[in-house]
């Protein structure tokens, strides 16, 4: 069983416009549909279960109106940022593998996600490496047992970077997106409104 995980627990601070009420960027339209739906539909083609990691359960009803069925989890208080959502999802998933994507990456392709998941057949953790040499750490496929082992170890040490999962992985695979023909657009994070242009 594979659990798809959407990280949607942030406050979207950079997405806000002065003088406007707070806007949940997950619900902001991209190509005519809420951003979260684009990620959800791609994960749904691969995952047996989709988990949405929320900062708090206050967003559940709004997301259910857009997505229908999913498993919500609240960020684990033992971590900050994306690690809080990943840890909560690891604990909620009953499958062997997880595929994690941030909500603000709506252009990611199913092909990239399949390649990452396939890599967990021989690796414990897999992420894309971009042409500039940066690792896209918040797009991650991982074996559940190893992920829990790493985060259980990190929890008392106050670590908060997703890259710490990569550092702790016994077997790490990096998927070279350029050599596989994936486009840079697939890895754009929508942090600000102007990123949509």
N, C-alpha and C. Protein backbone atom coordinates (compact mmCIF):
# COMPACT_ATOMS: atom_id res chain seq x y z
N UNK A 1 0.84 -1.19 0.00
CA UNK A 1 0.00 0.00 0.00
C UNK A 1 0.88 1.25 0.00
N UNK A 2 0.47 2.22 -0.79
CA UNK A 2 1.18 3.50 -0.90
C UNK A 2 0.28 4.61 -0.38
N UNK A 3 0.82 5.46 0.47
CA UNK A 3 0.11 6.65 0.94
C UNK A 3 0.67 7.87 0.23
N UNK A 4 -0.19 8.63 -0.42
CA UNK A 4 0.19 9.92 -0.98
C UNK A 4 -0.04 10.96 0.10
N UNK A 5 0.88 11.88 0.23
CA UNK A 5 0.79 12.91 1.28
C UNK A 5 0.91 14.29 0.65
N UNK A 6 -0.06 15.14 0.94
CA UNK A 6 -0.01 16.54 0.52
C UNK A 6 0.33 17.38 1.75
N UNK A 7 1.42 18.10 1.68
CA UNK A 7 1.79 19.00 2.77
C UNK A 7 1.07 20.33 2.58
N UNK A 8 0.13 20.62 3.46
CA UNK A 8 -0.66 21.85 3.34
C UNK A 8 -0.89 22.48 4.70
N UNK A 9 0.16 22.54 5.50
CA UNK A 9 0.01 23.06 6.85
C UNK A 9 0.52 24.46 7.06
N UNK A 10 1.09 25.06 6.03
CA UNK A 10 1.68 26.39 6.19
C UNK A 10 0.63 27.50 6.23
N UNK A 11 1.08 28.69 6.54
CA UNK A 11 0.19 29.85 6.63
C UNK A 11 0.17 30.69 5.36
N UNK A 12 0.91 30.29 4.34
CA UNK A 12 0.90 30.98 3.05
C UNK A 12 1.22 32.47 3.19
N UNK A 13 2.13 32.82 4.07
CA UNK A 13 2.43 34.23 4.34
C UNK A 13 2.89 34.98 3.09
N UNK A 14 3.76 34.37 2.31
CA UNK A 14 4.27 35.06 1.12
C UNK A 14 3.22 35.18 0.02
N UNK A 15 2.16 34.40 0.13
CA UNK A 15 1.10 34.41 -0.88
C UNK A 15 0.09 35.54 -0.65
N UNK A 16 0.11 36.14 0.52
CA UNK A 16 -0.88 37.15 0.89
C UNK A 16 -0.60 38.48 0.20
N UNK A 17 -1.67 39.25 0.03
CA UNK A 17 -1.60 40.58 -0.56
C UNK A 17 -2.02 41.58 0.52
N UNK A 18 -1.21 42.63 0.76
CA UNK A 18 -1.57 43.61 1.80
C UNK A 18 -2.96 44.19 1.56
N UNK A 19 -3.73 44.30 2.63
CA UNK A 19 -5.07 44.87 2.55
C UNK A 19 -6.16 43.87 2.20
N UNK A 20 -5.77 42.65 1.85
CA UNK A 20 -6.73 41.61 1.50
C UNK A 20 -6.84 40.64 2.67
N UNK A 21 -8.01 40.03 2.86
CA UNK A 21 -8.16 39.01 3.88
C UNK A 21 -7.28 37.81 3.56
N UNK A 22 -7.02 36.97 4.57
CA UNK A 22 -6.14 35.81 4.39
C UNK A 22 -6.69 34.86 3.33
N UNK A 23 -5.83 34.41 2.45
CA UNK A 23 -6.18 33.49 1.38
C UNK A 23 -5.39 32.21 1.56
N UNK A 24 -6.08 31.08 1.60
CA UNK A 24 -5.43 29.78 1.67
C UNK A 24 -4.98 29.43 0.26
N UNK A 25 -3.68 29.45 0.02
CA UNK A 25 -3.22 29.24 -1.35
C UNK A 25 -3.58 27.85 -1.88
N UNK A 26 -3.79 26.89 -1.01
CA UNK A 26 -4.21 25.57 -1.46
C UNK A 26 -5.53 25.62 -2.21
N UNK A 27 -6.36 26.60 -1.88
CA UNK A 27 -7.67 26.73 -2.52
C UNK A 27 -7.67 27.75 -3.66
N UNK A 28 -6.54 28.41 -3.86
CA UNK A 28 -6.44 29.40 -4.95
C UNK A 28 -6.42 28.68 -6.30
N UNK A 29 -7.15 29.22 -7.28
CA UNK A 29 -7.20 28.52 -8.58
C UNK A 29 -5.89 28.56 -9.36
N UNK A 30 -5.56 27.43 -9.93
CA UNK A 30 -4.45 27.28 -10.87
C UNK A 30 -5.05 26.53 -12.05
N UNK A 31 -5.00 27.13 -13.21
CA UNK A 31 -5.60 26.54 -14.43
C UNK A 31 -7.07 26.17 -14.19
N UNK A 32 -7.78 27.05 -13.46
CA UNK A 32 -9.22 26.89 -13.30
C UNK A 32 -9.67 25.97 -12.16
N UNK A 33 -8.74 25.44 -11.39
CA UNK A 33 -9.12 24.55 -10.28
C UNK A 33 -8.25 24.87 -9.07
N UNK A 34 -8.72 24.58 -7.86
CA UNK A 34 -7.89 24.84 -6.68
C UNK A 34 -6.55 24.10 -6.75
N UNK A 35 -5.51 24.77 -6.31
CA UNK A 35 -4.16 24.23 -6.38
C UNK A 35 -4.07 22.84 -5.76
N UNK A 36 -4.73 22.65 -4.63
CA UNK A 36 -4.66 21.36 -3.95
C UNK A 36 -5.24 20.24 -4.80
N UNK A 37 -6.23 20.55 -5.62
CA UNK A 37 -6.83 19.51 -6.46
C UNK A 37 -5.84 18.98 -7.48
N UNK A 38 -5.01 19.87 -8.04
CA UNK A 38 -4.02 19.42 -9.03
C UNK A 38 -3.08 18.39 -8.43
N UNK A 39 -2.61 18.66 -7.21
CA UNK A 39 -1.69 17.73 -6.54
C UNK A 39 -2.44 16.45 -6.16
N UNK A 40 -3.64 16.60 -5.63
CA UNK A 40 -4.46 15.46 -5.20
C UNK A 40 -4.73 14.50 -6.36
N UNK A 41 -5.11 15.03 -7.50
CA UNK A 41 -5.43 14.17 -8.66
C UNK A 41 -4.22 13.38 -9.12
N UNK A 42 -3.04 13.98 -9.07
CA UNK A 42 -1.84 13.26 -9.48
C UNK A 42 -1.48 12.17 -8.48
N UNK A 43 -1.53 12.51 -7.20
CA UNK A 43 -1.23 11.49 -6.19
C UNK A 43 -2.25 10.36 -6.22
N UNK A 44 -3.50 10.69 -6.50
CA UNK A 44 -4.57 9.67 -6.51
C UNK A 44 -4.37 8.62 -7.59
N UNK A 45 -3.64 8.96 -8.65
CA UNK A 45 -3.41 7.98 -9.71
C UNK A 45 -2.40 6.91 -9.27
N UNK A 46 -1.62 7.20 -8.23
CA UNK A 46 -0.56 6.30 -7.78
C UNK A 46 -0.84 5.71 -6.40
N UNK A 47 -1.36 6.55 -5.50
CA UNK A 47 -1.51 6.16 -4.10
C UNK A 47 -2.83 5.46 -3.84
N UNK A 48 -2.80 4.54 -2.88
CA UNK A 48 -4.02 3.85 -2.44
C UNK A 48 -4.82 4.73 -1.49
N UNK A 49 -4.14 5.64 -0.80
CA UNK A 49 -4.77 6.52 0.17
C UNK A 49 -4.06 7.86 0.09
N UNK A 50 -4.84 8.96 0.11
CA UNK A 50 -4.24 10.29 0.12
C UNK A 50 -4.47 10.91 1.49
N UNK A 51 -3.37 11.35 2.09
CA UNK A 51 -3.39 12.03 3.39
C UNK A 51 -3.07 13.49 3.14
N UNK A 52 -3.84 14.38 3.77
CA UNK A 52 -3.52 15.80 3.70
C UNK A 52 -3.04 16.21 5.09
N UNK A 53 -1.79 16.65 5.16
CA UNK A 53 -1.19 17.11 6.42
C UNK A 53 -1.52 18.58 6.59
N UNK A 54 -2.33 18.87 7.59
CA UNK A 54 -2.83 20.22 7.84
C UNK A 54 -2.12 20.83 9.04
N UNK A 55 -1.99 22.13 9.04
CA UNK A 55 -1.47 22.79 10.23
C UNK A 55 -2.42 22.60 11.39
N UNK A 56 -3.70 22.68 11.10
CA UNK A 56 -4.73 22.44 12.11
C UNK A 56 -5.95 21.88 11.40
N UNK A 57 -6.83 21.27 12.14
CA UNK A 57 -8.01 20.64 11.55
C UNK A 57 -9.06 21.65 11.08
N UNK A 58 -8.82 22.93 11.28
CA UNK A 58 -9.77 23.94 10.86
C UNK A 58 -9.98 24.01 9.35
N UNK A 59 -9.10 23.43 8.58
CA UNK A 59 -9.20 23.49 7.11
C UNK A 59 -9.92 22.27 6.51
N UNK A 60 -10.23 21.29 7.32
CA UNK A 60 -10.76 20.02 6.81
C UNK A 60 -12.01 20.22 5.96
N UNK A 61 -12.99 20.95 6.45
CA UNK A 61 -14.25 21.09 5.73
C UNK A 61 -14.05 21.76 4.37
N UNK A 62 -13.25 22.80 4.33
CA UNK A 62 -13.01 23.50 3.06
C UNK A 62 -12.32 22.57 2.06
N UNK A 63 -11.38 21.77 2.53
CA UNK A 63 -10.67 20.85 1.63
C UNK A 63 -11.58 19.71 1.19
N UNK A 64 -12.44 19.24 2.06
CA UNK A 64 -13.36 18.16 1.68
C UNK A 64 -14.34 18.61 0.60
N UNK A 65 -14.73 19.88 0.64
CA UNK A 65 -15.62 20.40 -0.41
C UNK A 65 -14.93 20.37 -1.77
N UNK A 66 -13.62 20.52 -1.77
CA UNK A 66 -12.86 20.57 -3.02
C UNK A 66 -12.42 19.17 -3.46
N UNK A 67 -12.04 18.33 -2.51
CA UNK A 67 -11.43 17.04 -2.85
C UNK A 67 -12.35 15.84 -2.65
N UNK A 68 -13.30 15.95 -1.77
CA UNK A 68 -14.08 14.76 -1.42
C UNK A 68 -13.35 13.99 -0.36
N UNK A 69 -12.99 12.75 -0.64
CA UNK A 69 -12.38 11.89 0.37
C UNK A 69 -10.88 11.99 0.47
N UNK A 70 -10.40 12.12 1.68
CA UNK A 70 -8.97 12.05 2.00
C UNK A 70 -8.86 11.85 3.50
N UNK A 71 -7.68 11.51 3.96
CA UNK A 71 -7.44 11.35 5.38
C UNK A 71 -6.71 12.58 5.90
N UNK A 72 -7.33 13.35 6.79
CA UNK A 72 -6.64 14.52 7.32
C UNK A 72 -5.78 14.16 8.53
N UNK A 73 -4.63 14.80 8.65
CA UNK A 73 -3.82 14.68 9.86
C UNK A 73 -3.36 16.07 10.27
N UNK A 74 -3.32 16.28 11.56
CA UNK A 74 -2.84 17.55 12.11
C UNK A 74 -1.34 17.44 12.35
N UNK A 75 -0.63 18.53 12.11
CA UNK A 75 0.82 18.54 12.31
C UNK A 75 1.19 18.02 13.70
N UNK A 76 2.25 17.22 13.77
CA UNK A 76 2.74 16.71 15.04
C UNK A 76 3.48 17.84 15.76
N UNK A 77 3.15 18.06 17.00
CA UNK A 77 3.72 19.17 17.76
C UNK A 77 5.21 18.98 18.09
N UNK A 78 5.73 17.80 17.87
CA UNK A 78 7.14 17.54 18.15
C UNK A 78 8.09 18.10 17.10
N UNK A 79 7.53 18.57 15.97
CA UNK A 79 8.35 19.12 14.89
C UNK A 79 7.75 20.45 14.44
N UNK A 80 8.52 21.17 13.63
CA UNK A 80 8.03 22.41 13.01
C UNK A 80 8.08 22.24 11.50
N UNK A 81 7.26 23.03 10.81
CA UNK A 81 7.30 23.07 9.36
C UNK A 81 6.89 21.75 8.73
N UNK A 82 7.42 21.48 7.53
CA UNK A 82 7.03 20.27 6.80
C UNK A 82 7.27 18.97 7.55
N UNK A 83 8.31 18.92 8.39
CA UNK A 83 8.57 17.69 9.14
C UNK A 83 7.40 17.33 10.05
N UNK A 84 6.70 18.35 10.57
CA UNK A 84 5.54 18.09 11.43
C UNK A 84 4.44 17.36 10.66
N UNK A 85 4.23 17.75 9.41
CA UNK A 85 3.24 17.08 8.57
C UNK A 85 3.69 15.70 8.12
N UNK A 86 4.96 15.58 7.77
CA UNK A 86 5.48 14.29 7.33
C UNK A 86 5.41 13.27 8.46
N UNK A 87 5.77 13.69 9.67
CA UNK A 87 5.75 12.77 10.81
C UNK A 87 4.31 12.33 11.12
N UNK A 88 3.38 13.27 11.09
CA UNK A 88 1.97 12.93 11.33
C UNK A 88 1.47 11.95 10.27
N UNK A 89 1.86 12.16 9.01
CA UNK A 89 1.45 11.27 7.92
C UNK A 89 2.08 9.88 8.07
N UNK A 90 3.34 9.83 8.46
CA UNK A 90 4.00 8.54 8.69
C UNK A 90 3.25 7.72 9.73
N UNK A 91 2.80 8.39 10.78
CA UNK A 91 2.08 7.69 11.84
C UNK A 91 0.68 7.26 11.39
N UNK A 92 0.06 8.00 10.47
CA UNK A 92 -1.30 7.68 10.02
C UNK A 92 -1.34 6.65 8.91
N UNK A 93 -0.25 6.54 8.15
CA UNK A 93 -0.21 5.64 7.00
C UNK A 93 0.00 4.20 7.47
N UNK A 94 -0.78 3.31 6.92
CA UNK A 94 -0.61 1.89 7.24
C UNK A 94 0.13 1.15 6.13
N UNK A 95 0.52 1.88 5.10
CA UNK A 95 1.24 1.27 4.00
C UNK A 95 2.73 1.19 4.25
N UNK A 96 3.44 0.64 3.28
CA UNK A 96 4.89 0.49 3.40
C UNK A 96 5.65 1.70 2.89
N UNK A 97 5.01 2.46 1.97
CA UNK A 97 5.72 3.58 1.35
C UNK A 97 4.84 4.82 1.31
N UNK A 98 5.50 5.99 1.37
CA UNK A 98 4.81 7.27 1.27
C UNK A 98 5.41 8.07 0.13
N UNK A 99 4.56 8.86 -0.49
CA UNK A 99 4.97 9.76 -1.56
C UNK A 99 4.48 11.14 -1.16
N UNK A 100 5.40 12.06 -0.87
CA UNK A 100 5.07 13.36 -0.29
C UNK A 100 5.29 14.47 -1.31
N UNK A 101 4.30 15.37 -1.41
CA UNK A 101 4.37 16.52 -2.33
C UNK A 101 3.79 17.73 -1.61
N UNK A 102 4.45 18.89 -1.69
CA UNK A 102 3.86 20.09 -1.11
C UNK A 102 2.68 20.58 -1.95
N UNK A 103 1.72 21.18 -1.30
CA UNK A 103 0.51 21.65 -1.99
C UNK A 103 0.82 22.72 -3.03
N UNK A 104 1.92 23.42 -2.87
CA UNK A 104 2.23 24.53 -3.78
C UNK A 104 3.09 24.11 -4.98
N UNK A 105 3.05 22.83 -5.34
CA UNK A 105 3.76 22.34 -6.51
C UNK A 105 2.76 21.66 -7.47
N UNK A 106 1.82 22.45 -8.01
CA UNK A 106 0.72 21.86 -8.80
C UNK A 106 1.11 21.33 -10.17
N UNK A 107 2.30 21.69 -10.66
CA UNK A 107 2.68 21.28 -12.01
C UNK A 107 3.51 19.99 -12.04
N UNK A 108 3.77 19.42 -10.88
CA UNK A 108 4.58 18.20 -10.86
C UNK A 108 3.88 17.10 -11.66
N UNK A 109 4.66 16.28 -12.32
CA UNK A 109 4.06 15.27 -13.19
C UNK A 109 3.93 13.92 -12.49
N UNK A 110 3.00 13.14 -12.97
CA UNK A 110 2.82 11.78 -12.47
C UNK A 110 4.07 10.95 -12.76
N UNK A 111 4.74 11.24 -13.87
CA UNK A 111 5.96 10.52 -14.21
C UNK A 111 7.04 10.65 -13.16
N UNK A 112 7.27 11.87 -12.68
CA UNK A 112 8.26 12.10 -11.63
C UNK A 112 7.88 11.31 -10.37
N UNK A 113 6.59 11.38 -10.03
CA UNK A 113 6.13 10.68 -8.83
C UNK A 113 6.32 9.17 -8.96
N UNK A 114 6.03 8.63 -10.13
CA UNK A 114 6.23 7.19 -10.35
C UNK A 114 7.71 6.81 -10.25
N UNK A 115 8.58 7.65 -10.82
CA UNK A 115 10.02 7.38 -10.75
C UNK A 115 10.51 7.37 -9.31
N UNK A 116 10.03 8.32 -8.51
CA UNK A 116 10.44 8.37 -7.10
C UNK A 116 9.97 7.14 -6.35
N UNK A 117 8.73 6.79 -6.57
CA UNK A 117 8.18 5.62 -5.88
C UNK A 117 8.92 4.35 -6.30
N UNK A 118 9.21 4.23 -7.57
CA UNK A 118 9.95 3.06 -8.07
C UNK A 118 11.33 2.97 -7.41
N UNK A 119 11.94 4.12 -7.17
CA UNK A 119 13.28 4.14 -6.56
C UNK A 119 13.27 3.56 -5.15
N UNK A 120 12.13 3.60 -4.47
CA UNK A 120 12.07 3.04 -3.11
C UNK A 120 12.10 1.52 -3.11
N UNK A 121 12.14 0.91 -4.28
CA UNK A 121 12.35 -0.53 -4.35
C UNK A 121 13.77 -0.90 -3.94
N UNK A 122 14.73 0.01 -4.20
CA UNK A 122 16.12 -0.27 -3.83
C UNK A 122 16.69 0.76 -2.86
N UNK A 123 15.95 1.82 -2.61
CA UNK A 123 16.40 2.88 -1.70
C UNK A 123 15.36 3.10 -0.61
N UNK A 124 15.78 3.73 0.48
CA UNK A 124 14.86 4.03 1.57
C UNK A 124 14.18 5.38 1.38
N UNK A 125 14.89 6.31 0.74
CA UNK A 125 14.42 7.67 0.52
C UNK A 125 14.83 8.08 -0.89
N UNK A 126 13.91 8.75 -1.61
CA UNK A 126 14.23 9.23 -2.96
C UNK A 126 13.63 10.62 -3.15
N UNK A 127 14.41 11.50 -3.78
CA UNK A 127 13.95 12.85 -4.11
C UNK A 127 14.55 13.25 -5.46
N UNK A 128 13.96 14.24 -6.11
CA UNK A 128 14.53 14.73 -7.37
C UNK A 128 15.73 15.65 -7.11
N UNK A 129 16.71 15.57 -7.99
CA UNK A 129 17.81 16.53 -7.98
C UNK A 129 17.67 17.36 -9.25
N UNK A 130 17.70 18.67 -9.08
CA UNK A 130 17.44 19.62 -10.16
C UNK A 130 18.72 19.90 -10.95
N UNK A 131 18.59 20.45 -12.16
CA UNK A 131 19.79 20.72 -12.97
C UNK A 131 20.82 21.61 -12.29
N UNK A 132 20.39 22.47 -11.36
CA UNK A 132 21.34 23.35 -10.66
C UNK A 132 22.02 22.65 -9.47
N UNK A 133 21.72 21.36 -9.28
CA UNK A 133 22.36 20.58 -8.22
C UNK A 133 21.60 20.58 -6.91
N UNK A 134 20.51 21.35 -6.81
CA UNK A 134 19.72 21.37 -5.59
C UNK A 134 18.80 20.16 -5.52
N UNK A 135 18.63 19.64 -4.32
CA UNK A 135 17.71 18.53 -4.09
C UNK A 135 16.37 19.11 -3.67
N UNK A 136 15.31 18.70 -4.32
CA UNK A 136 13.96 19.15 -3.97
C UNK A 136 13.51 18.26 -2.81
N UNK A 137 13.86 18.66 -1.59
CA UNK A 137 13.69 17.78 -0.43
C UNK A 137 12.24 17.58 -0.02
N UNK A 138 11.34 18.50 -0.35
CA UNK A 138 9.95 18.32 0.07
C UNK A 138 9.15 17.44 -0.89
N UNK A 139 9.75 17.06 -1.99
CA UNK A 139 9.16 16.03 -2.86
C UNK A 139 9.96 14.78 -2.55
N UNK A 140 9.31 13.83 -1.91
CA UNK A 140 10.07 12.72 -1.35
C UNK A 140 9.24 11.44 -1.36
N UNK A 141 9.87 10.36 -1.74
CA UNK A 141 9.28 9.03 -1.58
C UNK A 141 10.12 8.33 -0.53
N UNK A 142 9.45 7.65 0.41
CA UNK A 142 10.22 7.00 1.45
C UNK A 142 9.51 5.77 1.97
N UNK A 143 10.33 4.90 2.50
CA UNK A 143 9.82 3.70 3.16
C UNK A 143 9.35 4.12 4.55
N UNK A 144 8.17 3.72 4.92
CA UNK A 144 7.55 4.17 6.18
C UNK A 144 8.39 3.80 7.40
N UNK A 145 8.88 2.57 7.45
CA UNK A 145 9.62 2.14 8.63
C UNK A 145 10.89 2.97 8.82
N UNK A 146 11.58 3.26 7.73
CA UNK A 146 12.81 4.04 7.81
C UNK A 146 12.49 5.50 8.16
N UNK A 147 11.43 6.04 7.57
CA UNK A 147 11.03 7.41 7.89
C UNK A 147 10.71 7.59 9.36
N UNK A 148 9.96 6.64 9.92
CA UNK A 148 9.64 6.71 11.35
C UNK A 148 10.89 6.57 12.20
N UNK A 149 11.78 5.68 11.81
CA UNK A 149 13.03 5.48 12.55
C UNK A 149 13.85 6.76 12.57
N UNK A 150 13.98 7.43 11.42
CA UNK A 150 14.76 8.67 11.33
C UNK A 150 14.11 9.77 12.18
N UNK A 151 12.80 9.96 12.02
CA UNK A 151 12.15 11.06 12.72
C UNK A 151 12.02 10.80 14.23
N UNK A 152 11.85 9.55 14.61
CA UNK A 152 11.85 9.24 16.04
C UNK A 152 13.22 9.58 16.66
N UNK A 153 14.27 9.36 15.88
CA UNK A 153 15.61 9.71 16.36
C UNK A 153 15.79 11.23 16.42
N UNK A 154 15.29 11.95 15.42
CA UNK A 154 15.49 13.40 15.34
C UNK A 154 14.64 14.18 16.35
N UNK A 155 13.48 13.63 16.70
CA UNK A 155 12.50 14.38 17.51
C UNK A 155 13.10 14.99 18.78
N UNK A 156 13.82 14.26 19.60
CA UNK A 156 14.35 14.88 20.82
C UNK A 156 15.49 15.86 20.58
N UNK A 157 15.99 15.92 19.36
CA UNK A 157 17.14 16.79 19.05
C UNK A 157 16.73 18.13 18.45
N UNK A 158 15.44 18.38 18.31
CA UNK A 158 14.97 19.67 17.83
C UNK A 158 15.27 19.96 16.37
N UNK A 159 15.46 18.94 15.58
CA UNK A 159 15.74 19.14 14.15
C UNK A 159 14.45 19.52 13.42
N UNK A 160 14.55 20.35 12.38
CA UNK A 160 13.34 20.79 11.69
C UNK A 160 13.48 20.86 10.18
N UNK A 161 14.56 20.39 9.63
CA UNK A 161 14.75 20.44 8.18
C UNK A 161 14.39 19.10 7.54
N UNK A 162 13.65 19.18 6.44
CA UNK A 162 13.29 17.96 5.72
C UNK A 162 14.55 17.25 5.23
N UNK A 163 15.58 18.01 4.91
CA UNK A 163 16.84 17.41 4.45
C UNK A 163 17.44 16.47 5.50
N UNK A 164 17.04 16.61 6.75
CA UNK A 164 17.53 15.68 7.78
C UNK A 164 17.06 14.25 7.52
N UNK A 165 15.92 14.09 6.85
CA UNK A 165 15.48 12.74 6.46
C UNK A 165 16.48 12.16 5.47
N UNK A 166 16.91 12.98 4.52
CA UNK A 166 17.87 12.53 3.52
C UNK A 166 19.21 12.19 4.16
N UNK A 167 19.62 13.03 5.10
CA UNK A 167 20.91 12.80 5.78
C UNK A 167 20.89 11.51 6.59
N UNK A 168 19.73 11.15 7.12
CA UNK A 168 19.63 9.97 7.96
C UNK A 168 19.32 8.69 7.22
N UNK A 169 19.04 8.79 5.92
CA UNK A 169 18.63 7.61 5.16
C UNK A 169 19.80 6.66 4.93
N UNK A 170 19.64 5.38 5.26
CA UNK A 170 20.70 4.42 4.96
C UNK A 170 20.98 4.31 3.47
N UNK A 171 19.91 4.35 2.65
CA UNK A 171 20.06 4.27 1.20
C UNK A 171 19.24 5.38 0.56
N UNK A 172 19.94 6.37 -0.02
CA UNK A 172 19.30 7.54 -0.63
C UNK A 172 19.47 7.49 -2.14
N UNK A 173 18.37 7.73 -2.86
CA UNK A 173 18.43 7.84 -4.32
C UNK A 173 18.03 9.25 -4.72
N UNK A 174 18.78 9.84 -5.64
CA UNK A 174 18.42 11.14 -6.19
C UNK A 174 18.10 10.93 -7.66
N UNK A 175 16.91 11.36 -8.06
CA UNK A 175 16.45 11.19 -9.44
C UNK A 175 16.84 12.43 -10.24
N UNK A 176 17.70 12.25 -11.22
CA UNK A 176 18.15 13.35 -12.06
C UNK A 176 17.03 13.72 -13.04
N UNK A 177 16.38 14.85 -12.79
CA UNK A 177 15.20 15.20 -13.59
C UNK A 177 15.57 15.62 -15.00
N UNK A 178 16.74 16.22 -15.18
CA UNK A 178 17.14 16.66 -16.51
C UNK A 178 17.40 15.46 -17.42
N UNK A 179 18.12 14.46 -16.91
CA UNK A 179 18.44 13.30 -17.75
C UNK A 179 17.20 12.49 -18.10
N UNK A 180 16.13 12.63 -17.30
CA UNK A 180 14.88 11.91 -17.58
C UNK A 180 13.89 12.74 -18.38
N UNK A 181 14.29 13.95 -18.76
CA UNK A 181 13.46 14.77 -19.63
C UNK A 181 12.34 15.55 -18.95
N UNK A 182 12.38 15.69 -17.64
CA UNK A 182 11.36 16.47 -16.95
C UNK A 182 11.66 17.95 -17.07
N UNK A 183 10.62 18.76 -17.11
CA UNK A 183 10.74 20.20 -17.34
C UNK A 183 10.87 20.96 -16.01
N UNK A 184 11.61 22.07 -16.01
CA UNK A 184 11.75 22.88 -14.80
C UNK A 184 10.41 23.34 -14.23
N UNK A 185 9.41 23.60 -15.07
CA UNK A 185 8.11 24.06 -14.61
C UNK A 185 7.49 23.10 -13.59
N UNK A 186 7.78 21.82 -13.72
CA UNK A 186 7.18 20.83 -12.83
C UNK A 186 7.60 21.02 -11.37
N UNK A 187 8.71 21.73 -11.15
CA UNK A 187 9.26 21.85 -9.80
C UNK A 187 9.13 23.27 -9.24
N UNK A 188 8.31 24.08 -9.87
CA UNK A 188 8.09 25.45 -9.37
C UNK A 188 7.16 25.40 -8.17
N UNK A 189 7.59 26.06 -7.09
CA UNK A 189 6.74 26.25 -5.92
C UNK A 189 5.99 27.56 -6.09
N UNK A 190 4.70 27.53 -5.88
CA UNK A 190 3.89 28.75 -5.93
C UNK A 190 3.90 29.36 -4.54
N UNK A 191 4.84 30.26 -4.30
CA UNK A 191 4.94 30.91 -2.99
C UNK A 191 4.25 32.27 -2.98
N UNK A 192 4.29 32.96 -4.11
CA UNK A 192 3.70 34.30 -4.24
C UNK A 192 2.72 34.29 -5.41
N UNK A 193 1.82 35.26 -5.41
CA UNK A 193 0.86 35.33 -6.53
C UNK A 193 1.57 35.47 -7.87
N UNK A 194 2.65 36.25 -7.89
CA UNK A 194 3.35 36.46 -9.16
C UNK A 194 3.98 35.18 -9.70
N UNK A 195 4.18 34.16 -8.85
CA UNK A 195 4.70 32.88 -9.33
C UNK A 195 3.73 32.20 -10.29
N UNK A 196 2.47 32.55 -10.20
CA UNK A 196 1.47 31.96 -11.10
C UNK A 196 1.62 32.46 -12.53
N UNK A 197 2.28 33.60 -12.69
CA UNK A 197 2.50 34.13 -14.04
C UNK A 197 3.60 33.36 -14.74
